[in-house]
Amino acid sequence: MTDASAVDVSGDLWPLYRRVFGDFEDLVAWREQVWDRHASRAGFRLALARHHGALVGFAYGYTGEPGQWWTDNAAAVLHPEVAADWLGGHFELVSIGVDEPARHAGVGRQLVAALTDGLAHARWVLMTSADPSDPARGLYRATGWAVIGAGLAPGHVIMGRALPPRGA
């Protein structure tokens, strides 16, 4: 696990994030609207994958709680009983990104394992593509996640992974 303060956000993480997702053109906007807020949340965890010293993948998440944008919006789209069971005190896998040349080599699976290793949260959630043939869906399904409801936007679903109670 990597401490958020130990990563070179501007020179290392941001260029990879932009290549993988392309949803922000500006580092300052991404930091203000996403990264800095997320990195300061309770339970924040960051996993990095490097190949010959170069960053090729990352995954991060934190403890999701009511009052946070994603948790509140997920609660609005999930069935009320599902939302009550899954949301609040859950681990929210926010983002996982692997550089194109490093894909299909197990990097995503390693990142998910590193990010979730030792988590005490009983419930983990994320949002991903609704397309069952999407490689991300395959990764999550293969690592124990299942669809628990519709996503916040068309073409997306919310997936969850529940852990057995300790000592079970």
C-alpha atoms as a PDB file:
ATOM      1  CA  MET A   1       0.000   0.000   0.000  1.00  0.00           C
ATOM      2  CA  THR A   2       1.250   3.470  -0.821  1.00  0.00           C
ATOM      3  CA  ASP A   3       0.676   6.604   1.194  1.00  0.00           C
ATOM      4  CA  ALA A   4      -0.946   9.302  -0.970  1.00  0.00           C
ATOM      5  CA  SER A   5       1.715  11.794   0.088  1.00  0.00           C
ATOM      6  CA  ALA A   6       4.460   9.462  -1.188  1.00  0.00           C
ATOM      7  CA  VAL A   7       3.302   9.483  -4.815  1.00  0.00           C
ATOM      8  CA  ASP A   8       4.315  12.122  -7.360  1.00  0.00           C
ATOM      9  CA  VAL A   9       0.780  13.093  -8.311  1.00  0.00           C
ATOM     10  CA  SER A  10       1.671  15.717 -10.919  1.00  0.00           C
ATOM     11  CA  GLY A  11       4.520  13.904 -12.645  1.00  0.00           C
ATOM     12  CA  ASP A  12       3.597  10.249 -12.178  1.00  0.00           C
ATOM     13  CA  LEU A  13      -0.042   9.550 -11.322  1.00  0.00           C
ATOM     14  CA  TRP A  14      -1.764  12.340 -13.278  1.00  0.00           C
ATOM     15  CA  PRO A  15      -0.213  11.481 -16.685  1.00  0.00           C
ATOM     16  CA  LEU A  16      -1.290   7.843 -16.302  1.00  0.00           C
ATOM     17  CA  TYR A  17      -4.766   8.806 -15.066  1.00  0.00           C
ATOM     18  CA  ARG A  18      -5.211  11.128 -18.065  1.00  0.00           C
ATOM     19  CA  ARG A  19      -4.046   8.469 -20.561  1.00  0.00           C
ATOM     20  CA  VAL A  20      -6.372   5.836 -19.106  1.00  0.00           C
ATOM     21  CA  PHE A  21      -9.505   7.907 -18.483  1.00  0.00           C
ATOM     22  CA  GLY A  22      -9.186  11.162 -20.418  1.00  0.00           C
ATOM     23  CA  ASP A  23     -12.076  12.746 -18.508  1.00  0.00           C
ATOM     24  CA  PHE A  24     -10.066  15.756 -17.287  1.00  0.00           C
ATOM     25  CA  GLU A  25      -7.832  17.884 -19.473  1.00  0.00           C
ATOM     26  CA  ASP A  26      -6.427  19.915 -16.608  1.00  0.00           C
ATOM     27  CA  LEU A  27      -4.344  18.695 -13.667  1.00  0.00           C
ATOM     28  CA  VAL A  28      -5.528  21.499 -11.387  1.00  0.00           C
ATOM     29  CA  ALA A  29      -9.206  20.730 -12.014  1.00  0.00           C
ATOM     30  CA  TRP A  30      -8.660  16.986 -11.485  1.00  0.00           C
ATOM     31  CA  ARG A  31      -6.800  17.588  -8.237  1.00  0.00           C
ATOM     32  CA  GLU A  32      -9.424  20.012  -6.909  1.00  0.00           C
ATOM     33  CA  GLN A  33     -12.501  18.073  -8.020  1.00  0.00           C
ATOM     34  CA  VAL A  34     -11.295  14.522  -7.455  1.00  0.00           C
ATOM     35  CA  TRP A  35      -7.866  13.591  -6.159  1.00  0.00           C
ATOM     36  CA  ASP A  36      -7.333  15.930  -3.202  1.00  0.00           C
ATOM     37  CA  ARG A  37     -10.845  15.295  -1.842  1.00  0.00           C
ATOM     38  CA  HIS A  38     -10.584  11.538  -2.234  1.00  0.00           C
ATOM     39  CA  ALA A  39      -7.043  11.260  -0.843  1.00  0.00           C
ATOM     40  CA  SER A  40      -8.121  13.036   2.343  1.00  0.00           C
ATOM     41  CA  ARG A  41     -11.021  10.676   3.113  1.00  0.00           C
ATOM     42  CA  ALA A  42     -11.033   8.163   5.938  1.00  0.00           C
ATOM     43  CA  GLY A  43      -9.717   4.764   4.985  1.00  0.00           C
ATOM     44  CA  PHE A  44      -7.953   6.043   1.834  1.00  0.00           C
ATOM     45  CA  ARG A  45      -5.792   3.361   0.218  1.00  0.00           C
ATOM     46  CA  LEU A  46      -3.652   3.527  -2.913  1.00  0.00           C
ATOM     47  CA  ALA A  47      -1.966   0.664  -4.760  1.00  0.00           C
ATOM     48  CA  LEU A  48       0.566   1.267  -7.520  1.00  0.00           C
ATOM     49  CA  ALA A  49       2.036  -1.065 -10.138  1.00  0.00           C
ATOM     50  CA  ARG A  50       5.407  -0.321 -11.713  1.00  0.00           C
ATOM     51  CA  HIS A  51       7.356  -1.962 -14.506  1.00  0.00           C
ATOM     52  CA  HIS A  52      11.056  -1.099 -14.707  1.00  0.00           C
ATOM     53  CA  GLY A  53      10.342   1.892 -12.470  1.00  0.00           C
ATOM     54  CA  ALA A  54       7.577   3.332 -14.654  1.00  0.00           C
ATOM     55  CA  LEU A  55       4.056   3.600 -13.253  1.00  0.00           C
ATOM     56  CA  VAL A  56       1.802   1.270 -15.271  1.00  0.00           C
ATOM     57  CA  GLY A  57      -1.221   0.988 -12.994  1.00  0.00           C
ATOM     58  CA  PHE A  58      -2.991   2.345  -9.954  1.00  0.00           C
ATOM     59  CA  ALA A  59      -6.049   1.646  -7.865  1.00  0.00           C
ATOM     60  CA  TYR A  60      -7.518   3.599  -4.989  1.00  0.00           C
ATOM     61  CA  GLY A  61     -10.485   3.766  -2.706  1.00  0.00           C
ATOM     62  CA  TYR A  62     -11.681   4.841   0.712  1.00  0.00           C
ATOM     63  CA  THR A  63     -14.425   4.331   3.246  1.00  0.00           C
ATOM     64  CA  GLY A  64     -17.744   5.428   1.769  1.00  0.00           C
ATOM     65  CA  GLU A  65     -20.250   7.136   4.015  1.00  0.00           C
ATOM     66  CA  PRO A  66     -23.624   8.892   3.735  1.00  0.00           C
ATOM     67  CA  GLY A  67     -23.124  12.545   2.866  1.00  0.00           C
ATOM     68  CA  GLN A  68     -20.548  11.725   0.179  1.00  0.00           C
ATOM     69  CA  TRP A  69     -21.656  12.363  -3.396  1.00  0.00           C
ATOM     70  CA  TRP A  70     -21.228   8.813  -4.709  1.00  0.00           C
ATOM     71  CA  THR A  71     -22.729   7.073  -1.678  1.00  0.00           C
ATOM     72  CA  ASP A  72     -25.777   9.336  -1.665  1.00  0.00           C
ATOM     73  CA  ASN A  73     -26.351   8.911  -5.396  1.00  0.00           C
ATOM     74  CA  ALA A  74     -25.842   5.154  -5.251  1.00  0.00           C
ATOM     75  CA  ALA A  75     -28.398   4.999  -2.426  1.00  0.00           C
ATOM     76  CA  ALA A  76     -30.863   6.811  -4.687  1.00  0.00           C
ATOM     77  CA  VAL A  77     -30.565   4.264  -7.536  1.00  0.00           C
ATOM     78  CA  LEU A  78     -30.223   1.024  -5.586  1.00  0.00           C
ATOM     79  CA  HIS A  79     -33.209  -0.780  -4.132  1.00  0.00           C
ATOM     80  CA  PRO A  80     -33.643   0.648  -0.593  1.00  0.00           C
ATOM     81  CA  GLU A  81     -32.927  -2.703   1.092  1.00  0.00           C
ATOM     82  CA  VAL A  82     -29.793  -3.192  -1.018  1.00  0.00           C
ATOM     83  CA  ALA A  83     -28.608   0.336  -0.230  1.00  0.00           C
ATOM     84  CA  ALA A  84     -29.221  -0.232   3.491  1.00  0.00           C
ATOM     85  CA  ASP A  85     -27.212  -3.479   3.395  1.00  0.00           C
ATOM     86  CA  TRP A  86     -24.317  -2.259   1.271  1.00  0.00           C
ATOM     87  CA  LEU A  87     -23.766   1.467   1.805  1.00  0.00           C
ATOM     88  CA  GLY A  88     -22.277   3.304   4.756  1.00  0.00           C
ATOM     89  CA  GLY A  89     -18.964   2.166   6.176  1.00  0.00           C
ATOM     90  CA  HIS A  90     -18.257   0.259   2.958  1.00  0.00           C
ATOM     91  CA  PHE A  91     -14.962   0.278   1.074  1.00  0.00           C
ATOM     92  CA  GLU A  92     -15.481   2.138  -2.174  1.00  0.00           C
ATOM     93  CA  LEU A  93     -13.116   1.117  -4.959  1.00  0.00           C
ATOM     94  CA  VAL A  94     -13.115   4.440  -6.772  1.00  0.00           C
ATOM     95  CA  SER A  95     -10.676   4.004  -9.588  1.00  0.00           C
ATOM     96  CA  ILE A  96      -8.438   1.401 -11.165  1.00  0.00           C
ATOM     97  CA  GLY A  97      -6.400   2.199 -14.222  1.00  0.00           C
ATOM     98  CA  VAL A  98      -3.817   0.220 -16.178  1.00  0.00           C
ATOM     99  CA  ASP A  99      -1.770   1.680 -19.021  1.00  0.00           C
ATOM    100  CA  GLU A 100      -2.657   0.155 -22.404  1.00  0.00           C
ATOM    101  CA  PRO A 101       0.701  -1.635 -22.963  1.00  0.00           C
ATOM    102  CA  ALA A 102       0.438  -3.306 -19.523  1.00  0.00           C
ATOM    103  CA  ARG A 103      -3.109  -4.607 -19.925  1.00  0.00           C
ATOM    104  CA  HIS A 104      -3.954  -8.331 -20.077  1.00  0.00           C
ATOM    105  CA  ALA A 105      -0.875  -9.181 -18.008  1.00  0.00           C
ATOM    106  CA  GLY A 106      -2.526  -9.535 -14.586  1.00  0.00           C
ATOM    107  CA  VAL A 107      -1.742  -5.980 -13.428  1.00  0.00           C
ATOM    108  CA  GLY A 108      -5.403  -5.184 -12.702  1.00  0.00           C
ATOM    109  CA  ARG A 109      -5.833  -8.346 -10.651  1.00  0.00           C
ATOM    110  CA  GLN A 110      -2.648  -7.542  -8.684  1.00  0.00           C
ATOM    111  CA  LEU A 111      -3.863  -4.005  -8.014  1.00  0.00           C
ATOM    112  CA  VAL A 112      -7.253  -5.173  -6.739  1.00  0.00           C
ATOM    113  CA  ALA A 113      -5.532  -7.734  -4.498  1.00  0.00           C
ATOM    114  CA  ALA A 114      -3.046  -5.181  -3.132  1.00  0.00           C
ATOM    115  CA  LEU A 115      -5.729  -2.563  -2.573  1.00  0.00           C
ATOM    116  CA  THR A 116      -8.082  -4.877  -0.715  1.00  0.00           C
ATOM    117  CA  ASP A 117      -5.551  -6.991   1.191  1.00  0.00           C
ATOM    118  CA  GLY A 118      -6.294  -6.743   4.896  1.00  0.00           C
ATOM    119  CA  LEU A 119      -9.388  -4.556   4.546  1.00  0.00           C
ATOM    120  CA  ALA A 120     -11.631  -4.749   7.592  1.00  0.00           C
ATOM    121  CA  HIS A 121     -14.719  -3.499   5.718  1.00  0.00           C
ATOM    122  CA  ALA A 122     -17.447  -6.144   5.448  1.00  0.00           C
ATOM    123  CA  ARG A 123     -18.775  -4.674   2.176  1.00  0.00           C
ATOM    124  CA  TRP A 124     -16.909  -3.384  -0.863  1.00  0.00           C
ATOM    125  CA  VAL A 125     -18.591  -1.527  -3.748  1.00  0.00           C
ATOM    126  CA  LEU A 126     -17.665  -0.042  -7.111  1.00  0.00           C
ATOM    127  CA  MET A 127     -19.289   1.121 -10.340  1.00  0.00           C
ATOM    128  CA  THR A 128     -18.293  -0.232 -13.734  1.00  0.00           C
ATOM    129  CA  SER A 129     -19.567  -1.018 -17.215  1.00  0.00           C
ATOM    130  CA  ALA A 130     -22.875  -2.842 -17.571  1.00  0.00           C
ATOM    131  CA  ASP A 131     -21.394  -4.763 -20.526  1.00  0.00           C
ATOM    132  CA  PRO A 132     -20.636  -8.305 -19.272  1.00  0.00           C
ATOM    133  CA  SER A 133     -17.933  -8.675 -21.937  1.00  0.00           C
ATOM    134  CA  ASP A 134     -16.029  -5.591 -20.725  1.00  0.00           C
ATOM    135  CA  PRO A 135     -12.611  -6.679 -19.385  1.00  0.00           C
ATOM    136  CA  ALA A 136     -13.161  -4.713 -16.154  1.00  0.00           C
ATOM    137  CA  ARG A 137     -16.374  -6.626 -15.493  1.00  0.00           C
ATOM    138  CA  GLY A 138     -14.501  -9.871 -16.054  1.00  0.00           C
ATOM    139  CA  LEU A 139     -11.785  -8.819 -13.610  1.00  0.00           C
ATOM    140  CA  TYR A 140     -14.276  -7.935 -10.896  1.00  0.00           C
ATOM    141  CA  ARG A 141     -16.371 -11.053 -11.450  1.00  0.00           C
ATOM    142  CA  ALA A 142     -13.235 -13.225 -11.274  1.00  0.00           C
ATOM    143  CA  THR A 143     -12.247 -11.616  -7.966  1.00  0.00           C
ATOM    144  CA  GLY A 144     -15.576 -12.205  -6.250  1.00  0.00           C
ATOM    145  CA  TRP A 145     -17.676  -9.141  -7.109  1.00  0.00           C
ATOM    146  CA  ALA A 146     -21.317  -9.369  -8.254  1.00  0.00           C
ATOM    147  CA  VAL A 147     -23.814  -6.882  -9.642  1.00  0.00           C
ATOM    148  CA  ILE A 148     -26.003  -5.440  -6.881  1.00  0.00           C
ATOM    149  CA  GLY A 149     -27.891  -2.865  -8.952  1.00  0.00           C
ATOM    150  CA  ALA A 150     -27.999  -0.270 -11.681  1.00  0.00           C
ATOM    151  CA  GLY A 151     -25.255   2.328 -11.903  1.00  0.00           C
ATOM    152  CA  LEU A 152     -25.487   6.087 -11.663  1.00  0.00           C
ATOM    153  CA  ALA A 153     -25.509   6.475 -15.445  1.00  0.00           C
ATOM    154  CA  PRO A 154     -26.809   4.429 -18.373  1.00  0.00           C
ATOM    155  CA  GLY A 155     -24.454   1.619 -19.322  1.00  0.00           C
ATOM    156  CA  HIS A 156     -23.130   1.175 -15.773  1.00  0.00           C
ATOM    157  CA  VAL A 157     -23.792  -1.135 -12.841  1.00  0.00           C
ATOM    158  CA  ILE A 158     -22.856  -1.145  -9.192  1.00  0.00           C
ATOM    159  CA  MET A 159     -21.011  -4.242  -8.066  1.00  0.00           C
ATOM    160  CA  GLY A 160     -20.352  -5.413  -4.543  1.00  0.00           C
ATOM    161  CA  ARG A 161     -18.292  -7.957  -2.701  1.00  0.00           C
ATOM    162  CA  ALA A 162     -19.290  -9.101   0.765  1.00  0.00           C
ATOM    163  CA  LEU A 163     -16.822 -10.694   3.104  1.00  0.00           C
ATOM    164  CA  PRO A 164     -17.790 -13.399   5.540  1.00  0.00           C
ATOM    165  CA  PRO A 165     -17.921 -12.331   9.177  1.00  0.00           C
ATOM    166  CA  ARG A 166     -14.597 -12.670  10.981  1.00  0.00           C
ATOM    167  CA  GLY A 167     -14.174 -16.077  12.511  1.00  0.00           C
ATOM    168  CA  ALA A 168     -16.727 -17.657  10.158  1.00  0.00           C
END
